[in-house]
């Protein structure tokens, strides 16, 4: 790796994580909502319409109280991404908590991105569920014992695709994976809904995201896209993505 990759860049900010965490803790000193023992710290919407909700469950271990579905006006269909927890990927010895409480970020991405103006509010349903569900999960958990759900949350706008507090939560790596994770969640949900053509095209979007992060892994969504195109009788598209996949394999 070139030495330049480890040199300071005057055009990029240097973030003191300790200071960023301190400022975030002050900003989140009071939850914006409480539901079933869980505390909601922030709710925002990114430039592509993805909705992000930062929450501390009231429980520890096992099933915990987290957002499980949302509705907005005008009505849109959403896919839920897998939950995110600060420093979970990096396994740091120290990670951000609010007064010792774990923080999770739940995200819901519209099946059709950039479909009109982003919503300014959402009605969010909470349930006790596994916090590590994959995007393919349709398990909505149980509402038993979750008092006060659903709740309505105002959504503050973000100018980027993800929340600005990701820096303080040390979630930079996850931010890099968003071009993969977001279309993957959409693809899986579209396929579950029987929207096969849209799902195939979304798997292609996932493959493009892989090409700039983990190039060789693009073959996985491309194989899924090929299968869906063939199920629709779209042979030319199936052969096109097959050739694309073979080119990725040859290159890596």
Protein backbone atom coordinates (compact mmCIF):
# COMPACT_ATOMS: atom_id res chain seq x y z
CA UNK A 1 0.00 0.00 0.00
CA UNK A 2 1.39 3.40 -0.96
CA UNK A 3 2.79 5.54 1.86
CA UNK A 4 0.49 8.34 0.69
CA UNK A 5 -2.45 6.35 2.04
CA UNK A 6 -1.09 6.94 5.55
CA UNK A 7 -0.31 10.65 5.13
CA UNK A 8 -2.58 13.44 6.44
CA UNK A 9 -4.79 15.01 3.78
CA UNK A 10 -5.38 18.73 4.42
CA UNK A 11 -8.66 18.51 2.52
CA UNK A 12 -10.12 15.91 4.85
CA UNK A 13 -11.10 16.48 8.50
CA UNK A 14 -9.31 14.80 11.38
CA UNK A 15 -11.86 13.45 13.85
CA UNK A 16 -11.07 13.08 17.54
CA UNK A 17 -13.35 10.16 18.41
CA UNK A 18 -13.23 10.92 22.13
CA UNK A 19 -14.42 14.48 21.52
CA UNK A 20 -17.02 13.34 18.97
CA UNK A 21 -18.41 10.79 21.43
CA UNK A 22 -18.57 13.40 24.21
CA UNK A 23 -20.50 15.84 22.01
CA UNK A 24 -22.90 13.12 20.85
CA UNK A 25 -23.59 12.04 24.42
CA UNK A 26 -24.49 15.66 25.28
CA UNK A 27 -26.73 15.95 22.21
CA UNK A 28 -28.49 12.72 23.16
CA UNK A 29 -28.77 13.52 26.86
CA UNK A 30 -32.56 13.30 26.68
CA UNK A 31 -34.34 10.70 24.50
CA UNK A 32 -36.80 12.08 21.97
CA UNK A 33 -39.23 9.22 22.73
CA UNK A 34 -39.63 6.27 25.08
CA UNK A 35 -41.49 3.09 24.16
CA UNK A 36 -41.70 -0.21 26.01
CA UNK A 37 -38.57 0.55 28.02
CA UNK A 38 -36.59 1.52 24.92
CA UNK A 39 -35.22 5.04 24.45
CA UNK A 40 -35.06 6.69 21.02
CA UNK A 41 -32.14 9.07 20.62
CA UNK A 42 -32.46 10.20 17.00
CA UNK A 43 -34.56 9.74 13.87
CA UNK A 44 -33.45 11.04 10.47
CA UNK A 45 -33.85 10.47 6.74
CA UNK A 46 -30.95 10.30 4.27
CA UNK A 47 -30.76 11.77 0.81
CA UNK A 48 -31.98 8.51 -0.79
CA UNK A 49 -34.97 8.28 1.55
CA UNK A 50 -33.47 5.70 3.92
CA UNK A 51 -34.74 6.24 7.47
CA UNK A 52 -32.34 5.77 10.41
CA UNK A 53 -33.44 5.36 14.04
CA UNK A 54 -30.93 5.27 16.93
CA UNK A 55 -32.32 3.48 19.98
CA UNK A 56 -31.28 1.85 23.25
CA UNK A 57 -33.44 -1.19 24.10
CA UNK A 58 -34.67 -1.57 27.63
CA UNK A 59 -33.33 -5.13 27.78
CA UNK A 60 -29.92 -6.77 27.52
CA UNK A 61 -29.39 -10.09 25.78
CA UNK A 62 -31.88 -12.22 23.88
CA UNK A 63 -34.81 -10.50 22.20
CA UNK A 64 -34.83 -6.76 22.78
CA UNK A 65 -37.20 -3.87 21.98
CA UNK A 66 -36.31 -2.37 18.60
CA UNK A 67 -38.06 -0.81 15.58
CA UNK A 68 -39.52 -3.51 13.37
CA UNK A 69 -41.60 -1.68 10.72
CA UNK A 70 -42.50 1.84 9.59
CA UNK A 71 -45.10 3.70 7.59
CA UNK A 72 -44.83 7.13 6.02
CA UNK A 73 -47.00 9.55 4.09
CA UNK A 74 -47.12 9.46 1.15
CA UNK A 75 -47.05 5.70 1.56
CA UNK A 76 -43.90 3.90 0.45
CA UNK A 77 -42.75 0.29 0.75
CA UNK A 78 -39.61 -0.23 2.82
CA UNK A 79 -37.03 -2.94 3.44
CA UNK A 80 -35.37 -3.21 6.83
CA UNK A 81 -31.59 -3.48 6.87
CA UNK A 82 -29.80 -5.57 9.48
CA UNK A 83 -29.35 -3.68 12.75
CA UNK A 84 -26.09 -1.85 13.36
CA UNK A 85 -24.23 -1.56 16.66
CA UNK A 86 -21.25 0.74 17.29
CA UNK A 87 -17.89 -1.00 16.87
CA UNK A 88 -19.47 -4.43 16.53
CA UNK A 89 -17.58 -5.09 13.29
CA UNK A 90 -14.28 -3.70 14.59
CA UNK A 91 -14.59 -5.43 17.99
CA UNK A 92 -12.96 -2.51 19.80
CA UNK A 93 -12.44 -2.84 23.53
CA UNK A 94 -14.22 0.49 23.96
CA UNK A 95 -17.42 1.40 22.17
CA UNK A 96 -20.04 4.09 22.49
CA UNK A 97 -22.91 3.63 24.95
CA UNK A 98 -25.49 5.99 26.40
CA UNK A 99 -25.18 5.88 30.21
CA UNK A 100 -23.94 2.32 29.87
CA UNK A 101 -26.81 1.30 27.59
CA UNK A 102 -26.14 -0.33 24.24
CA UNK A 103 -27.06 1.68 21.15
CA UNK A 104 -28.51 0.12 18.01
CA UNK A 105 -29.26 1.82 14.71
CA UNK A 106 -32.25 0.44 12.80
CA UNK A 107 -32.61 1.42 9.15
CA UNK A 108 -35.45 1.20 6.63
CA UNK A 109 -34.73 1.84 2.97
CA UNK A 110 -37.44 2.57 0.36
CA UNK A 111 -37.87 -0.09 -2.29
CA UNK A 112 -37.86 2.70 -4.86
CA UNK A 113 -35.06 5.12 -3.90
CA UNK A 114 -35.34 8.87 -4.47
CA UNK A 115 -39.07 8.50 -5.09
CA UNK A 116 -40.18 12.09 -4.54
CA UNK A 117 -39.41 14.28 -1.55
CA UNK A 118 -38.22 12.40 1.56
CA UNK A 119 -40.82 12.08 4.33
CA UNK A 120 -40.61 14.41 7.32
CA UNK A 121 -42.20 11.95 9.76
CA UNK A 122 -42.73 8.22 10.21
CA UNK A 123 -44.92 5.98 12.33
CA UNK A 124 -42.66 3.33 13.85
CA UNK A 125 -43.76 0.00 15.29
CA UNK A 126 -41.55 -1.59 17.96
CA UNK A 127 -41.35 -5.24 18.97
CA UNK A 128 -39.21 -7.57 21.03
CA UNK A 129 -37.03 -9.37 18.49
CA UNK A 130 -33.58 -10.70 17.70
CA UNK A 131 -31.31 -7.69 17.06
CA UNK A 132 -29.15 -9.55 14.53
CA UNK A 133 -31.75 -10.47 11.93
CA UNK A 134 -30.61 -10.44 8.33
CA UNK A 135 -32.25 -8.39 5.62
CA UNK A 136 -34.02 -11.57 4.48
CA UNK A 137 -35.88 -12.00 7.77
CA UNK A 138 -39.62 -11.46 7.81
CA UNK A 139 -39.85 -12.08 11.58
CA UNK A 140 -41.48 -9.00 13.09
CA UNK A 141 -41.01 -10.24 16.65
CA UNK A 142 -43.66 -9.92 19.34
CA UNK A 143 -45.40 -6.78 20.53
CA UNK A 144 -46.11 -8.40 23.90
CA UNK A 145 -44.89 -6.15 26.69
CA UNK A 146 -44.08 -3.24 24.35
CA UNK A 147 -46.29 -0.46 25.66
CA UNK A 148 -46.77 2.74 23.68
CA UNK A 149 -46.04 1.27 20.24
CA UNK A 150 -46.41 2.45 17.52
CA UNK A 151 -45.00 5.96 17.88
CA UNK A 152 -44.75 8.87 15.48
CA UNK A 153 -41.30 10.37 14.98
CA UNK A 154 -40.31 13.58 13.23
CA UNK A 155 -37.44 12.94 10.82
CA UNK A 156 -34.62 15.44 10.58
CA UNK A 157 -33.05 15.59 7.09
CA UNK A 158 -29.49 14.41 6.43
CA UNK A 159 -27.55 15.64 3.42
CA UNK A 160 -25.61 12.37 3.10
CA UNK A 161 -26.82 8.81 2.60
CA UNK A 162 -26.27 8.01 6.28
CA UNK A 163 -26.39 9.86 9.63
CA UNK A 164 -23.65 12.32 10.54
CA UNK A 165 -23.28 10.62 13.95
CA UNK A 166 -21.79 7.53 12.26
CA UNK A 167 -18.35 9.11 12.80
CA UNK A 168 -18.83 9.33 16.56
CA UNK A 169 -20.14 5.76 16.66
CA UNK A 170 -17.08 4.53 14.73
CA UNK A 171 -19.26 3.11 11.96
CA UNK A 172 -17.10 4.24 9.04
CA UNK A 173 -16.66 0.71 7.73
CA UNK A 174 -20.41 0.17 7.66
CA UNK A 175 -20.79 3.43 5.74
CA UNK A 176 -18.42 2.04 3.09
CA UNK A 177 -20.61 -1.06 2.77
CA UNK A 178 -23.87 0.84 2.26
CA UNK A 179 -23.67 0.63 -1.60
CA UNK A 180 -23.85 -3.15 -1.06
CA UNK A 181 -26.14 -3.49 1.97
CA UNK A 182 -28.88 -1.07 0.87
CA UNK A 183 -29.56 -2.59 -2.57
CA UNK A 184 -29.25 -6.08 -1.07
CA UNK A 185 -32.02 -5.34 1.44
CA UNK A 186 -34.16 -3.92 -1.37
CA UNK A 187 -33.46 -6.92 -3.62
CA UNK A 188 -34.43 -9.47 -0.99
CA UNK A 189 -37.63 -7.65 -0.09
CA UNK A 190 -38.64 -7.09 -3.72
CA UNK A 191 -38.16 -10.80 -4.40
CA UNK A 192 -40.26 -11.69 -1.34
CA UNK A 193 -43.03 -9.46 -2.69
CA UNK A 194 -42.93 -11.13 -6.11
CA UNK A 195 -41.58 -8.01 -7.83
CA UNK A 196 -39.14 -10.15 -9.77
CA UNK A 197 -37.95 -7.74 -12.46
CA UNK A 198 -37.31 -4.97 -9.94
CA UNK A 199 -35.47 -7.46 -7.73
CA UNK A 200 -33.22 -8.56 -10.60
CA UNK A 201 -32.29 -4.96 -11.39
CA UNK A 202 -31.66 -4.26 -7.72
CA UNK A 203 -29.30 -7.24 -7.50
CA UNK A 204 -27.37 -5.61 -10.34
CA UNK A 205 -27.13 -2.44 -8.23
CA UNK A 206 -25.75 -4.58 -5.40
CA UNK A 207 -23.15 -6.02 -7.78
CA UNK A 208 -22.05 -2.51 -8.77
CA UNK A 209 -21.59 -1.70 -5.10
CA UNK A 210 -19.46 -4.81 -4.66
CA UNK A 211 -17.24 -3.83 -7.56
CA UNK A 212 -15.93 -0.82 -5.65
CA UNK A 213 -15.61 -2.55 -2.26
CA UNK A 214 -15.21 -6.35 -2.53
CA UNK A 215 -15.08 -6.85 -6.33
CA UNK A 216 -15.06 -10.65 -6.51
CA UNK A 217 -18.20 -10.88 -4.35
CA UNK A 218 -20.22 -9.23 -7.15
CA UNK A 219 -20.68 -12.72 -8.60
CA UNK A 220 -23.17 -13.59 -5.82
CA UNK A 221 -25.86 -10.98 -6.61
CA UNK A 222 -25.18 -11.41 -10.33
CA UNK A 223 -25.99 -15.12 -10.06
CA UNK A 224 -29.26 -14.23 -8.36
CA UNK A 225 -30.07 -11.63 -11.02
CA UNK A 226 -29.36 -14.15 -13.77
CA UNK A 227 -31.72 -16.70 -12.20
CA UNK A 228 -34.51 -14.13 -11.90
CA UNK A 229 -34.10 -12.93 -15.48
CA UNK A 230 -34.30 -16.53 -16.72
CA UNK A 231 -37.46 -17.11 -14.66
CA UNK A 232 -39.00 -14.17 -16.55
CA UNK A 233 -37.86 -15.47 -19.92
CA UNK A 234 -35.49 -12.50 -20.32
CA UNK A 235 -32.67 -14.54 -21.85
CA UNK A 236 -30.67 -11.60 -23.21
CA UNK A 237 -30.48 -9.97 -19.78
CA UNK A 238 -29.62 -13.31 -18.18
CA UNK A 239 -26.74 -13.79 -20.62
CA UNK A 240 -25.60 -10.20 -20.09
CA UNK A 241 -25.23 -10.56 -16.32
CA UNK A 242 -23.70 -14.02 -16.76
CA UNK A 243 -21.00 -12.51 -18.98
CA UNK A 244 -20.53 -9.73 -16.41
CA UNK A 245 -20.07 -12.33 -13.66
CA UNK A 246 -17.58 -14.34 -15.75
CA UNK A 247 -15.61 -11.14 -16.35
CA UNK A 248 -15.46 -10.44 -12.61
CA UNK A 249 -14.25 -14.02 -11.97
CA UNK A 250 -11.56 -13.73 -14.63
CA UNK A 251 -10.34 -10.41 -13.23
CA UNK A 252 -10.13 -11.54 -9.61
